[in-house]
Amino acid sequence: MELPADTRPQAAPGRADGASQDLLRRLGSQGPEREEAVGELHVLLLKAARFEIGRRSAGLPHVRGGDLDDLAQQSADDALLAILDKLDEFRGESRFTTWAYKFALLEAAVKLRRRAWQGREVPLEHEAWRRLSDASSAERGAEDSELFAAIREEIENLSDRRREVLVAVAINEVPIDVLAERMDTTRGALYKTLHDARRMLRAGLAARGLRPGDGEEEKP
């Protein structure tokens, strides 16, 4: 793939193994030597992306082999660009290939999640309340029913944006990557909104004398 001619990342010093040092040196050079190193790196990333997509593809039976390969190619391309942009962040604390593989695995996972939701609408808020209601049915007792009512009231007290993000991610299980794309924002911005919404929800429940889930909050 063709890369910007002015992309000339320099490797940070570290305890990288010999092969990593050589690849890093060539990636930081210019001309044919650099282009050869970029090609080698792309081959490694494509292998990693194909592995991850193959591992996860059982959840996408409607996606054909050619489409899966396209996703792998896209994942490798995007991972390569991300690595070249962040090459100076590599500190040699692991093998360079191990560090680089993570970019490909992440890109593949994100693209598969987005593909799984392609053409699907993000569930509406009233569908979330129905799911919560089912999970807190009368057979669980009055205490759970009280908690459900309190949670719903506190969620409704949130701002529209915080409520929308919390309901989509925490209740309707919309992947954060998909929601970021649909809302034309970033993962980081959504995580911040989600964190604030959960903090306000916990505070509201605590003020009522209710403290569900004392453990650490899980990151979606």
N, C-alpha and C. Protein backbone atom coordinates (compact mmCIF):
# COMPACT_ATOMS: atom_id res chain seq x y z
N MET A 1 0.84 -1.19 0.00
CA MET A 1 0.00 0.00 0.00
C MET A 1 0.87 1.24 0.00
N GLU A 2 0.40 2.30 -0.60
CA GLU A 2 1.17 3.52 -0.71
C GLU A 2 1.03 4.34 0.56
N LEU A 3 2.13 4.85 1.06
CA LEU A 3 2.14 5.62 2.29
C LEU A 3 2.66 7.03 2.02
N PRO A 4 2.25 7.99 2.85
CA PRO A 4 2.74 9.35 2.67
C PRO A 4 4.26 9.39 2.66
N ALA A 5 4.83 10.14 1.73
CA ALA A 5 6.28 10.17 1.58
C ALA A 5 6.96 10.80 2.78
N ASP A 6 6.23 11.64 3.53
CA ASP A 6 6.86 12.33 4.65
C ASP A 6 6.72 11.59 5.96
N THR A 7 6.21 10.35 5.90
CA THR A 7 6.08 9.56 7.13
C THR A 7 7.44 8.93 7.43
N ARG A 8 8.16 9.49 8.34
CA ARG A 8 9.49 9.00 8.68
C ARG A 8 9.63 8.85 10.18
N PRO A 9 8.87 7.92 10.81
CA PRO A 9 8.96 7.76 12.27
C PRO A 9 10.31 7.26 12.71
N GLN A 10 10.74 7.70 13.86
CA GLN A 10 12.00 7.26 14.42
C GLN A 10 11.74 6.38 15.64
N ALA A 11 12.47 5.32 15.77
CA ALA A 11 12.27 4.40 16.88
C ALA A 11 12.81 4.98 18.17
N ALA A 12 12.07 4.73 19.25
CA ALA A 12 12.54 5.15 20.57
C ALA A 12 13.53 4.13 21.08
N PRO A 13 14.51 4.53 21.88
CA PRO A 13 15.46 3.58 22.43
C PRO A 13 14.78 2.63 23.39
N GLY A 14 15.22 1.41 23.47
CA GLY A 14 14.62 0.47 24.40
C GLY A 14 15.35 -0.86 24.35
N ARG A 15 14.78 -1.87 24.98
CA ARG A 15 15.42 -3.17 25.08
C ARG A 15 14.83 -4.14 24.07
N ALA A 16 14.57 -3.67 22.86
CA ALA A 16 13.98 -4.54 21.84
C ALA A 16 14.96 -5.63 21.44
N ASP A 17 14.45 -6.77 20.98
CA ASP A 17 15.30 -7.84 20.51
C ASP A 17 15.95 -7.42 19.19
N GLY A 18 16.94 -8.22 18.74
CA GLY A 18 17.68 -7.85 17.56
C GLY A 18 16.83 -7.67 16.32
N ALA A 19 15.88 -8.59 16.10
CA ALA A 19 15.03 -8.49 14.92
C ALA A 19 14.19 -7.23 14.97
N SER A 20 13.67 -6.89 16.16
CA SER A 20 12.87 -5.68 16.30
C SER A 20 13.71 -4.44 16.04
N GLN A 21 14.94 -4.46 16.57
CA GLN A 21 15.83 -3.32 16.36
C GLN A 21 16.09 -3.11 14.87
N ASP A 22 16.30 -4.20 14.17
CA ASP A 22 16.56 -4.09 12.74
C ASP A 22 15.35 -3.57 11.99
N LEU A 23 14.15 -4.10 12.33
CA LEU A 23 12.94 -3.65 11.66
C LEU A 23 12.65 -2.19 11.99
N LEU A 24 12.85 -1.82 13.24
CA LEU A 24 12.64 -0.43 13.64
C LEU A 24 13.61 0.52 12.91
N ARG A 25 14.85 0.07 12.80
CA ARG A 25 15.83 0.90 12.11
C ARG A 25 15.42 1.13 10.66
N ARG A 26 14.99 0.05 10.01
CA ARG A 26 14.61 0.17 8.61
C ARG A 26 13.32 0.96 8.42
N LEU A 27 12.40 0.85 9.38
CA LEU A 27 11.17 1.65 9.30
C LEU A 27 11.48 3.13 9.47
N GLY A 28 12.56 3.44 10.18
CA GLY A 28 12.94 4.82 10.38
C GLY A 28 13.87 5.36 9.33
N SER A 29 14.20 4.54 8.34
CA SER A 29 15.09 4.99 7.28
C SER A 29 14.28 5.59 6.13
N GLN A 30 14.90 5.74 4.99
CA GLN A 30 14.23 6.29 3.83
C GLN A 30 14.49 5.41 2.62
N GLY A 31 13.67 5.64 1.58
CA GLY A 31 13.89 4.95 0.32
C GLY A 31 13.46 3.50 0.32
N PRO A 32 14.07 2.69 -0.55
CA PRO A 32 13.66 1.28 -0.73
C PRO A 32 13.76 0.45 0.54
N GLU A 33 14.78 0.75 1.37
CA GLU A 33 14.93 -0.03 2.61
C GLU A 33 13.70 0.14 3.50
N ARG A 34 13.22 1.35 3.60
CA ARG A 34 12.03 1.61 4.42
C ARG A 34 10.80 0.95 3.82
N GLU A 35 10.64 1.08 2.51
CA GLU A 35 9.46 0.50 1.86
C GLU A 35 9.44 -1.02 2.01
N GLU A 36 10.61 -1.64 1.99
CA GLU A 36 10.69 -3.08 2.20
C GLU A 36 10.26 -3.44 3.62
N ALA A 37 10.70 -2.65 4.58
CA ALA A 37 10.33 -2.90 5.98
C ALA A 37 8.83 -2.71 6.18
N VAL A 38 8.27 -1.68 5.55
CA VAL A 38 6.83 -1.46 5.64
C VAL A 38 6.07 -2.65 5.08
N GLY A 39 6.56 -3.19 3.97
CA GLY A 39 5.91 -4.36 3.37
C GLY A 39 5.97 -5.56 4.29
N GLU A 40 7.11 -5.78 4.93
CA GLU A 40 7.24 -6.90 5.86
C GLU A 40 6.28 -6.74 7.04
N LEU A 41 6.19 -5.53 7.55
CA LEU A 41 5.30 -5.28 8.68
C LEU A 41 3.85 -5.51 8.28
N HIS A 42 3.47 -5.09 7.09
CA HIS A 42 2.09 -5.28 6.64
C HIS A 42 1.75 -6.76 6.53
N VAL A 43 2.70 -7.57 6.07
CA VAL A 43 2.47 -9.02 5.99
C VAL A 43 2.19 -9.60 7.38
N LEU A 44 2.97 -9.17 8.38
CA LEU A 44 2.76 -9.64 9.75
C LEU A 44 1.39 -9.21 10.28
N LEU A 45 1.01 -7.97 10.00
CA LEU A 45 -0.26 -7.45 10.48
C LEU A 45 -1.43 -8.16 9.80
N LEU A 46 -1.30 -8.45 8.54
CA LEU A 46 -2.36 -9.16 7.82
C LEU A 46 -2.55 -10.56 8.39
N LYS A 47 -1.45 -11.21 8.73
CA LYS A 47 -1.53 -12.54 9.34
C LYS A 47 -2.27 -12.47 10.67
N ALA A 48 -1.94 -11.46 11.48
CA ALA A 48 -2.60 -11.30 12.78
C ALA A 48 -4.08 -10.98 12.61
N ALA A 49 -4.42 -10.12 11.66
CA ALA A 49 -5.82 -9.74 11.43
C ALA A 49 -6.63 -10.94 10.95
N ARG A 50 -6.05 -11.73 10.06
CA ARG A 50 -6.76 -12.92 9.56
C ARG A 50 -7.00 -13.93 10.68
N PHE A 51 -6.03 -14.06 11.56
CA PHE A 51 -6.20 -14.96 12.70
C PHE A 51 -7.36 -14.51 13.58
N GLU A 52 -7.39 -13.22 13.92
CA GLU A 52 -8.43 -12.71 14.81
C GLU A 52 -9.80 -12.79 14.16
N ILE A 53 -9.88 -12.46 12.89
CA ILE A 53 -11.16 -12.52 12.19
C ILE A 53 -11.62 -13.97 12.06
N GLY A 54 -10.69 -14.87 11.79
CA GLY A 54 -11.06 -16.28 11.73
C GLY A 54 -11.58 -16.80 13.06
N ARG A 55 -10.96 -16.32 14.14
CA ARG A 55 -11.36 -16.74 15.49
C ARG A 55 -12.76 -16.25 15.84
N ARG A 56 -13.11 -15.06 15.36
CA ARG A 56 -14.38 -14.45 15.72
C ARG A 56 -15.47 -14.64 14.67
N SER A 57 -15.15 -15.17 13.52
CA SER A 57 -16.09 -15.19 12.39
C SER A 57 -17.30 -16.10 12.62
N ALA A 58 -17.22 -17.01 13.59
CA ALA A 58 -18.36 -17.89 13.85
C ALA A 58 -19.58 -17.08 14.25
N GLY A 59 -19.37 -15.91 14.81
CA GLY A 59 -20.49 -15.05 15.20
C GLY A 59 -21.07 -14.26 14.05
N LEU A 60 -20.50 -14.42 12.84
CA LEU A 60 -20.99 -13.71 11.66
C LEU A 60 -21.19 -14.70 10.52
N PRO A 61 -22.12 -15.64 10.68
CA PRO A 61 -22.29 -16.67 9.64
C PRO A 61 -22.74 -16.11 8.30
N HIS A 62 -23.32 -14.90 8.28
CA HIS A 62 -23.81 -14.33 7.03
C HIS A 62 -22.72 -13.62 6.24
N VAL A 63 -21.54 -13.47 6.83
CA VAL A 63 -20.43 -12.80 6.14
C VAL A 63 -19.62 -13.85 5.40
N ARG A 64 -19.44 -13.66 4.10
CA ARG A 64 -18.74 -14.64 3.28
C ARG A 64 -17.23 -14.47 3.39
N GLY A 65 -16.53 -15.51 2.87
CA GLY A 65 -15.07 -15.53 2.97
C GLY A 65 -14.40 -14.32 2.36
N GLY A 66 -14.87 -13.89 1.17
CA GLY A 66 -14.28 -12.72 0.52
C GLY A 66 -14.45 -11.47 1.35
N ASP A 67 -15.60 -11.33 1.99
CA ASP A 67 -15.83 -10.17 2.85
C ASP A 67 -14.91 -10.20 4.07
N LEU A 68 -14.71 -11.40 4.62
CA LEU A 68 -13.82 -11.53 5.77
C LEU A 68 -12.39 -11.16 5.40
N ASP A 69 -11.98 -11.55 4.20
CA ASP A 69 -10.63 -11.20 3.77
C ASP A 69 -10.50 -9.70 3.56
N ASP A 70 -11.55 -9.08 3.03
CA ASP A 70 -11.54 -7.62 2.88
C ASP A 70 -11.39 -6.94 4.24
N LEU A 71 -12.11 -7.45 5.25
CA LEU A 71 -12.00 -6.89 6.59
C LEU A 71 -10.58 -7.06 7.14
N ALA A 72 -9.98 -8.21 6.85
CA ALA A 72 -8.60 -8.44 7.30
C ALA A 72 -7.64 -7.46 6.63
N GLN A 73 -7.83 -7.23 5.34
CA GLN A 73 -6.97 -6.30 4.62
C GLN A 73 -7.13 -4.88 5.18
N GLN A 74 -8.38 -4.48 5.41
CA GLN A 74 -8.64 -3.15 5.97
C GLN A 74 -8.02 -3.02 7.36
N SER A 75 -8.14 -4.09 8.15
CA SER A 75 -7.59 -4.07 9.51
C SER A 75 -6.08 -3.92 9.47
N ALA A 76 -5.43 -4.67 8.58
CA ALA A 76 -3.98 -4.59 8.46
C ALA A 76 -3.54 -3.21 7.98
N ASP A 77 -4.26 -2.66 7.00
CA ASP A 77 -3.93 -1.32 6.49
C ASP A 77 -4.02 -0.27 7.58
N ASP A 78 -5.15 -0.28 8.32
CA ASP A 78 -5.36 0.73 9.37
C ASP A 78 -4.37 0.53 10.52
N ALA A 79 -4.08 -0.73 10.84
CA ALA A 79 -3.11 -1.00 11.90
C ALA A 79 -1.74 -0.49 11.50
N LEU A 80 -1.36 -0.68 10.25
CA LEU A 80 -0.06 -0.22 9.78
C LEU A 80 0.07 1.29 9.91
N LEU A 81 -0.93 2.01 9.47
CA LEU A 81 -0.90 3.46 9.57
C LEU A 81 -0.82 3.92 11.03
N ALA A 82 -1.58 3.23 11.91
CA ALA A 82 -1.56 3.58 13.33
C ALA A 82 -0.18 3.33 13.93
N ILE A 83 0.45 2.22 13.56
CA ILE A 83 1.77 1.89 14.10
C ILE A 83 2.81 2.90 13.64
N LEU A 84 2.79 3.24 12.36
CA LEU A 84 3.76 4.21 11.86
C LEU A 84 3.58 5.58 12.51
N ASP A 85 2.34 5.89 12.87
CA ASP A 85 2.08 7.16 13.54
C ASP A 85 2.54 7.14 15.00
N LYS A 86 2.56 5.94 15.62
CA LYS A 86 2.89 5.83 17.04
C LYS A 86 4.22 5.10 17.27
N LEU A 87 5.02 4.99 16.25
CA LEU A 87 6.24 4.20 16.37
C LEU A 87 7.16 4.71 17.46
N ASP A 88 7.17 6.02 17.68
CA ASP A 88 8.05 6.57 18.71
C ASP A 88 7.57 6.24 20.12
N GLU A 89 6.38 5.61 20.25
CA GLU A 89 5.87 5.22 21.56
C GLU A 89 6.35 3.83 21.97
N PHE A 90 6.95 3.09 21.02
CA PHE A 90 7.45 1.76 21.34
C PHE A 90 8.70 1.89 22.21
N ARG A 91 8.66 1.24 23.38
CA ARG A 91 9.74 1.37 24.35
C ARG A 91 10.60 0.10 24.47
N GLY A 92 10.32 -0.88 23.66
CA GLY A 92 11.13 -2.09 23.71
C GLY A 92 10.87 -2.97 24.91
N GLU A 93 9.73 -2.80 25.57
CA GLU A 93 9.41 -3.61 26.75
C GLU A 93 8.89 -5.00 26.36
N SER A 94 8.60 -5.19 25.09
CA SER A 94 8.22 -6.49 24.55
C SER A 94 8.78 -6.57 23.14
N ARG A 95 8.64 -7.71 22.50
CA ARG A 95 9.05 -7.80 21.10
C ARG A 95 8.23 -6.82 20.27
N PHE A 96 8.86 -6.21 19.31
CA PHE A 96 8.16 -5.25 18.47
C PHE A 96 6.97 -5.90 17.76
N THR A 97 7.13 -7.13 17.30
CA THR A 97 6.03 -7.79 16.60
C THR A 97 4.85 -8.02 17.53
N THR A 98 5.12 -8.32 18.80
CA THR A 98 4.03 -8.50 19.77
C THR A 98 3.28 -7.19 19.96
N TRP A 99 4.03 -6.10 20.08
CA TRP A 99 3.42 -4.77 20.21
C TRP A 99 2.60 -4.44 18.97
N ALA A 100 3.14 -4.73 17.81
CA ALA A 100 2.45 -4.40 16.56
C ALA A 100 1.21 -5.26 16.35
N TYR A 101 1.29 -6.53 16.72
CA TYR A 101 0.14 -7.43 16.55
C TYR A 101 -1.11 -6.87 17.24
N LYS A 102 -0.91 -6.24 18.38
CA LYS A 102 -2.06 -5.75 19.15
C LYS A 102 -2.88 -4.74 18.35
N PHE A 103 -2.21 -3.95 17.53
CA PHE A 103 -2.92 -2.99 16.69
C PHE A 103 -3.82 -3.72 15.70
N ALA A 104 -3.29 -4.77 15.10
CA ALA A 104 -4.08 -5.53 14.11
C ALA A 104 -5.24 -6.25 14.77
N LEU A 105 -5.01 -6.82 15.94
CA LEU A 105 -6.08 -7.52 16.65
C LEU A 105 -7.20 -6.56 17.03
N LEU A 106 -6.82 -5.37 17.49
CA LEU A 106 -7.83 -4.38 17.86
C LEU A 106 -8.62 -3.92 16.64
N GLU A 107 -7.93 -3.61 15.55
CA GLU A 107 -8.62 -3.16 14.35
C GLU A 107 -9.57 -4.24 13.83
N ALA A 108 -9.15 -5.49 13.86
CA ALA A 108 -9.99 -6.59 13.39
C ALA A 108 -11.24 -6.72 14.26
N ALA A 109 -11.06 -6.65 15.57
CA ALA A 109 -12.19 -6.77 16.49
C ALA A 109 -13.20 -5.64 16.28
N VAL A 110 -12.69 -4.42 16.12
CA VAL A 110 -13.57 -3.27 15.92
C VAL A 110 -14.35 -3.42 14.62
N LYS A 111 -13.68 -3.80 13.56
CA LYS A 111 -14.35 -3.91 12.26
C LYS A 111 -15.39 -5.03 12.25
N LEU A 112 -15.12 -6.11 12.96
CA LEU A 112 -16.11 -7.18 13.04
C LEU A 112 -17.34 -6.75 13.82
N ARG A 113 -17.13 -6.02 14.92
CA ARG A 113 -18.28 -5.54 15.69
C ARG A 113 -19.13 -4.59 14.85
N ARG A 114 -18.46 -3.72 14.11
CA ARG A 114 -19.21 -2.79 13.27
C ARG A 114 -19.95 -3.55 12.17
N ARG A 115 -19.31 -4.58 11.62
CA ARG A 115 -19.95 -5.35 10.56
C ARG A 115 -21.18 -6.08 11.09
N ALA A 116 -21.08 -6.59 12.31
CA ALA A 116 -22.20 -7.30 12.91
C ALA A 116 -23.41 -6.40 13.09
N TRP A 117 -23.17 -5.09 13.28
CA TRP A 117 -24.26 -4.14 13.49
C TRP A 117 -24.63 -3.39 12.22
N GLN A 118 -23.98 -3.72 11.12
CA GLN A 118 -24.28 -3.03 9.86
C GLN A 118 -25.74 -3.25 9.47
N GLY A 119 -26.45 -2.17 9.22
CA GLY A 119 -27.85 -2.28 8.83
C GLY A 119 -28.80 -2.44 9.99
N ARG A 120 -28.27 -2.55 11.22
CA ARG A 120 -29.13 -2.71 12.39
C ARG A 120 -29.33 -1.36 13.06
N GLU A 121 -30.52 -1.15 13.57
CA GLU A 121 -30.81 0.08 14.31
C GLU A 121 -30.39 -0.09 15.76
N VAL A 122 -29.87 0.99 16.34
CA VAL A 122 -29.59 0.96 17.77
C VAL A 122 -30.91 0.87 18.51
N PRO A 123 -31.07 -0.08 19.44
CA PRO A 123 -32.35 -0.26 20.14
C PRO A 123 -32.84 1.02 20.79
N LEU A 124 -34.14 1.20 20.77
CA LEU A 124 -34.75 2.39 21.35
C LEU A 124 -34.81 2.28 22.87
N GLU A 125 -35.00 3.42 23.51
CA GLU A 125 -34.96 3.47 24.97
C GLU A 125 -36.07 2.62 25.60
N HIS A 126 -37.26 2.63 24.99
CA HIS A 126 -38.35 1.87 25.60
C HIS A 126 -38.06 0.38 25.57
N GLU A 127 -37.26 -0.09 24.59
CA GLU A 127 -36.88 -1.50 24.57
C GLU A 127 -35.97 -1.84 25.74
N ALA A 128 -35.14 -0.88 26.13
CA ALA A 128 -34.27 -1.08 27.28
C ALA A 128 -35.07 -1.23 28.56
N TRP A 129 -36.10 -0.40 28.71
CA TRP A 129 -36.93 -0.50 29.92
C TRP A 129 -37.63 -1.85 29.98
N ARG A 130 -38.04 -2.36 28.83
CA ARG A 130 -38.70 -3.67 28.82
C ARG A 130 -37.72 -4.76 29.26
N ARG A 131 -36.48 -4.67 28.80
CA ARG A 131 -35.48 -5.65 29.19
C ARG A 131 -35.19 -5.56 30.68
N LEU A 132 -35.08 -4.35 31.21
CA LEU A 132 -34.86 -4.18 32.64
C LEU A 132 -36.02 -4.73 33.45
N SER A 133 -37.21 -4.48 32.95
CA SER A 133 -38.40 -4.95 33.64
C SER A 133 -38.44 -6.48 33.68
N ASP A 134 -38.06 -7.12 32.56
CA ASP A 134 -38.03 -8.57 32.51
C ASP A 134 -37.00 -9.13 33.49
N ALA A 135 -35.87 -8.43 33.60
CA ALA A 135 -34.80 -8.89 34.49
C ALA A 135 -35.14 -8.66 35.95
N SER A 136 -36.12 -7.82 36.21
CA SER A 136 -36.50 -7.51 37.59
C SER A 136 -37.97 -7.82 37.80
N SER A 137 -38.35 -9.02 37.41
CA SER A 137 -39.76 -9.41 37.49
C SER A 137 -40.21 -9.59 38.93
N ALA A 138 -41.52 -9.70 39.09
CA ALA A 138 -42.10 -9.76 40.43
C ALA A 138 -41.60 -10.96 41.22
N GLU A 139 -41.24 -12.04 40.53
CA GLU A 139 -40.82 -13.24 41.23
C GLU A 139 -39.50 -13.04 41.97
N ARG A 140 -38.77 -11.95 41.67
CA ARG A 140 -37.53 -11.67 42.37
C ARG A 140 -37.77 -10.94 43.68
N GLY A 141 -38.98 -10.51 43.91
CA GLY A 141 -39.28 -9.92 45.19
C GLY A 141 -39.40 -8.42 45.16
N ALA A 142 -39.96 -7.89 46.24
CA ALA A 142 -40.23 -6.46 46.34
C ALA A 142 -38.95 -5.64 46.36
N GLU A 143 -37.88 -6.17 46.94
CA GLU A 143 -36.64 -5.41 47.03
C GLU A 143 -36.08 -5.11 45.65
N ASP A 144 -36.08 -6.11 44.76
CA ASP A 144 -35.58 -5.90 43.41
C ASP A 144 -36.49 -4.97 42.63
N SER A 145 -37.79 -5.08 42.85
CA SER A 145 -38.73 -4.19 42.17
C SER A 145 -38.49 -2.74 42.57
N GLU A 146 -38.19 -2.52 43.86
CA GLU A 146 -37.89 -1.18 44.34
C GLU A 146 -36.61 -0.65 43.70
N LEU A 147 -35.61 -1.53 43.59
CA LEU A 147 -34.35 -1.13 43.00
C LEU A 147 -34.54 -0.78 41.52
N PHE A 148 -35.31 -1.60 40.81
CA PHE A 148 -35.57 -1.33 39.40
C PHE A 148 -36.24 0.03 39.22
N ALA A 149 -37.23 0.32 40.03
CA ALA A 149 -37.94 1.59 39.92
C ALA A 149 -37.00 2.76 40.20
N ALA A 150 -36.12 2.58 41.20
CA ALA A 150 -35.18 3.65 41.54
C ALA A 150 -34.17 3.87 40.42
N ILE A 151 -33.66 2.77 39.84
CA ILE A 151 -32.70 2.88 38.74
C ILE A 151 -33.33 3.61 37.56
N ARG A 152 -34.56 3.24 37.24
CA ARG A 152 -35.23 3.89 36.11
C ARG A 152 -35.42 5.38 36.36
N GLU A 153 -35.81 5.74 37.54
CA GLU A 153 -36.01 7.15 37.85
C GLU A 153 -34.70 7.92 37.78
N GLU A 154 -33.63 7.33 38.31
CA GLU A 154 -32.35 8.02 38.29
C GLU A 154 -31.81 8.14 36.87
N ILE A 155 -32.01 7.13 36.04
CA ILE A 155 -31.57 7.21 34.65
C ILE A 155 -32.35 8.30 33.91
N GLU A 156 -33.65 8.39 34.19
CA GLU A 156 -34.46 9.41 33.55
C GLU A 156 -34.07 10.82 33.98
N ASN A 157 -33.40 10.94 35.14
CA ASN A 157 -32.95 12.25 35.62
C ASN A 157 -31.65 12.70 34.95
N LEU A 158 -30.99 11.79 34.24
CA LEU A 158 -29.75 12.15 33.56
C LEU A 158 -30.04 13.07 32.38
N SER A 159 -29.01 13.74 31.90
CA SER A 159 -29.17 14.54 30.68
C SER A 159 -29.48 13.60 29.52
N ASP A 160 -30.04 14.14 28.45
CA ASP A 160 -30.40 13.32 27.30
C ASP A 160 -29.19 12.54 26.77
N ARG A 161 -28.06 13.21 26.67
CA ARG A 161 -26.86 12.57 26.12
C ARG A 161 -26.37 11.45 27.01
N ARG A 162 -26.28 11.70 28.31
CA ARG A 162 -25.80 10.67 29.23
C ARG A 162 -26.76 9.49 29.27
N ARG A 163 -28.07 9.77 29.27
CA ARG A 163 -29.04 8.70 29.30
C ARG A 163 -28.94 7.85 28.02
N GLU A 164 -28.81 8.52 26.89
CA GLU A 164 -28.74 7.81 25.61
C GLU A 164 -27.53 6.88 25.57
N VAL A 165 -26.38 7.36 26.02
CA VAL A 165 -25.17 6.55 25.99
C VAL A 165 -25.26 5.41 26.99
N LEU A 166 -25.70 5.69 28.21
CA LEU A 166 -25.80 4.67 29.24
C LEU A 166 -26.75 3.56 28.83
N VAL A 167 -27.92 3.93 28.33
CA VAL A 167 -28.92 2.94 27.93
C VAL A 167 -28.40 2.10 26.77
N ALA A 168 -27.77 2.75 25.79
CA ALA A 168 -27.29 2.02 24.61
C ALA A 168 -26.20 1.02 24.97
N VAL A 169 -25.22 1.45 25.76
CA VAL A 169 -24.07 0.60 26.05
C VAL A 169 -24.34 -0.38 27.19
N ALA A 170 -24.86 0.12 28.31
CA ALA A 170 -24.98 -0.71 29.50
C ALA A 170 -26.20 -1.61 29.50
N ILE A 171 -27.27 -1.19 28.80
CA ILE A 171 -28.50 -1.97 28.83
C ILE A 171 -28.75 -2.69 27.51
N ASN A 172 -28.65 -1.93 26.40
CA ASN A 172 -28.90 -2.53 25.09
C ASN A 172 -27.68 -3.20 24.49
N GLU A 173 -26.52 -3.09 25.17
CA GLU A 173 -25.31 -3.80 24.78
C GLU A 173 -24.83 -3.45 23.37
N VAL A 174 -24.97 -2.18 23.01
CA VAL A 174 -24.43 -1.71 21.74
C VAL A 174 -22.92 -1.53 21.92
N PRO A 175 -22.09 -2.13 21.06
CA PRO A 175 -20.64 -1.95 21.19
C PRO A 175 -20.25 -0.48 21.14
N ILE A 176 -19.29 -0.10 21.95
CA ILE A 176 -18.88 1.29 22.03
C ILE A 176 -18.38 1.80 20.69
N ASP A 177 -17.74 0.92 19.91
CA ASP A 177 -17.24 1.33 18.59
C ASP A 177 -18.39 1.69 17.66
N VAL A 178 -19.44 0.86 17.71
CA VAL A 178 -20.60 1.09 16.85
C VAL A 178 -21.30 2.38 17.24
N LEU A 179 -21.47 2.59 18.55
CA LEU A 179 -22.15 3.78 19.02
C LEU A 179 -21.36 5.04 18.66
N ALA A 180 -20.04 4.97 18.77
CA ALA A 180 -19.20 6.12 18.41
C ALA A 180 -19.39 6.48 16.95
N GLU A 181 -19.47 5.47 16.11
CA GLU A 181 -19.66 5.72 14.68
C GLU A 181 -21.03 6.31 14.40
N ARG A 182 -22.07 5.76 15.04
CA ARG A 182 -23.43 6.24 14.82
C ARG A 182 -23.62 7.67 15.33
N MET A 183 -22.94 8.00 16.43
CA MET A 183 -23.10 9.32 17.04
C MET A 183 -22.05 10.31 16.56
N ASP A 184 -21.20 9.87 15.63
CA ASP A 184 -20.16 10.72 15.04
C ASP A 184 -19.29 11.35 16.13
N THR A 185 -18.78 10.48 17.00
CA THR A 185 -17.90 10.93 18.07
C THR A 185 -16.80 9.92 18.27
N THR A 186 -16.04 10.03 19.34
CA THR A 186 -14.92 9.12 19.59
C THR A 186 -15.23 8.18 20.75
N ARG A 187 -14.48 7.07 20.79
CA ARG A 187 -14.61 6.14 21.90
C ARG A 187 -14.31 6.83 23.22
N GLY A 188 -13.25 7.65 23.23
CA GLY A 188 -12.87 8.34 24.45
C GLY A 188 -13.96 9.24 24.99
N ALA A 189 -14.62 9.97 24.07
CA ALA A 189 -15.70 10.86 24.49
C ALA A 189 -16.86 10.07 25.06
N LEU A 190 -17.16 8.92 24.45
CA LEU A 190 -18.27 8.10 24.95
C LEU A 190 -17.93 7.47 26.30
N TYR A 191 -16.70 7.04 26.47
CA TYR A 191 -16.29 6.48 27.77
C TYR A 191 -16.42 7.53 28.87
N LYS A 192 -16.05 8.77 28.54
CA LYS A 192 -16.19 9.85 29.53
C LYS A 192 -17.66 10.08 29.87
N THR A 193 -18.52 10.12 28.86
CA THR A 193 -19.96 10.30 29.09
C THR A 193 -20.52 9.14 29.90
N LEU A 194 -20.10 7.93 29.56
CA LEU A 194 -20.58 6.74 30.26
C LEU A 194 -20.12 6.75 31.72
N HIS A 195 -18.87 7.13 31.93
CA HIS A 195 -18.34 7.20 33.30
C HIS A 195 -19.13 8.21 34.13
N ASP A 196 -19.39 9.38 33.55
CA ASP A 196 -20.14 10.41 34.27
C ASP A 196 -21.57 9.94 34.58
N ALA A 197 -22.19 9.27 33.61
CA ALA A 197 -23.56 8.78 33.82
C ALA A 197 -23.61 7.75 34.94
N ARG A 198 -22.65 6.83 34.95
CA ARG A 198 -22.62 5.81 35.99
C ARG A 198 -22.34 6.42 37.35
N ARG A 199 -21.45 7.41 37.39
CA ARG A 199 -21.14 8.07 38.66
C ARG A 199 -22.38 8.76 39.22
N MET A 200 -23.12 9.45 38.35
CA MET A 200 -24.32 10.15 38.80
C MET A 200 -25.41 9.16 39.20
N LEU A 201 -25.48 8.04 38.49
CA LEU A 201 -26.46 7.02 38.83
C LEU A 201 -26.16 6.42 40.21
N ARG A 202 -24.89 6.11 40.45
CA ARG A 202 -24.52 5.56 41.77
C ARG A 202 -24.80 6.56 42.89
N ALA A 203 -24.50 7.84 42.61
CA ALA A 203 -24.74 8.86 43.63
C ALA A 203 -26.22 8.99 43.92
N GLY A 204 -27.05 8.94 42.88
CA GLY A 204 -28.49 9.04 43.08
C GLY A 204 -29.04 7.88 43.86
N LEU A 205 -28.54 6.67 43.58
CA LEU A 205 -29.01 5.49 44.30
C LEU A 205 -28.51 5.52 45.75
N ALA A 206 -27.27 5.99 45.95
CA ALA A 206 -26.73 6.07 47.31
C ALA A 206 -27.56 7.03 48.16
N ALA A 207 -28.02 8.13 47.54
CA ALA A 207 -28.84 9.09 48.27
C ALA A 207 -30.17 8.48 48.70
N ARG A 208 -30.59 7.44 48.01
CA ARG A 208 -31.82 6.73 48.36
C ARG A 208 -31.55 5.59 49.34
N GLY A 209 -30.29 5.40 49.69
CA GLY A 209 -29.94 4.30 50.58
C GLY A 209 -29.78 2.99 49.86
N LEU A 210 -29.61 3.05 48.54
CA LEU A 210 -29.44 1.85 47.72
C LEU A 210 -28.04 1.84 47.16
N ARG A 211 -27.33 0.71 47.30
CA ARG A 211 -25.96 0.63 46.82
C ARG A 211 -25.73 -0.69 46.08
N PRO A 212 -26.30 -0.83 44.88
CA PRO A 212 -26.08 -2.07 44.12
C PRO A 212 -24.70 -2.08 43.53
N GLY A 213 -24.09 -3.28 43.42
CA GLY A 213 -22.80 -3.42 42.73
C GLY A 213 -21.70 -2.64 43.40
N ASP A 214 -21.27 -3.07 44.58
CA ASP A 214 -20.20 -2.37 45.27
C ASP A 214 -18.82 -2.61 44.65
N GLY A 215 -18.76 -3.58 43.70
CA GLY A 215 -17.47 -3.90 43.08
C GLY A 215 -17.05 -2.85 42.10
N GLU A 216 -15.89 -3.08 41.48
CA GLU A 216 -15.37 -2.14 40.50
C GLU A 216 -16.26 -2.10 39.29
N GLU A 217 -16.44 -0.95 38.75
CA GLU A 217 -17.24 -0.77 37.54
C GLU A 217 -16.53 -1.37 36.35
N GLU A 218 -17.25 -2.13 35.55
CA GLU A 218 -16.67 -2.77 34.38
C GLU A 218 -16.66 -1.83 33.22
N LYS A 219 -15.59 -1.90 32.44
CA LYS A 219 -15.49 -1.09 31.23
C LYS A 219 -15.99 -1.89 30.05
N PRO A 220 -16.98 -1.37 29.27
CA PRO A 220 -17.53 -2.17 28.17
C PRO A 220 -16.49 -2.46 27.12
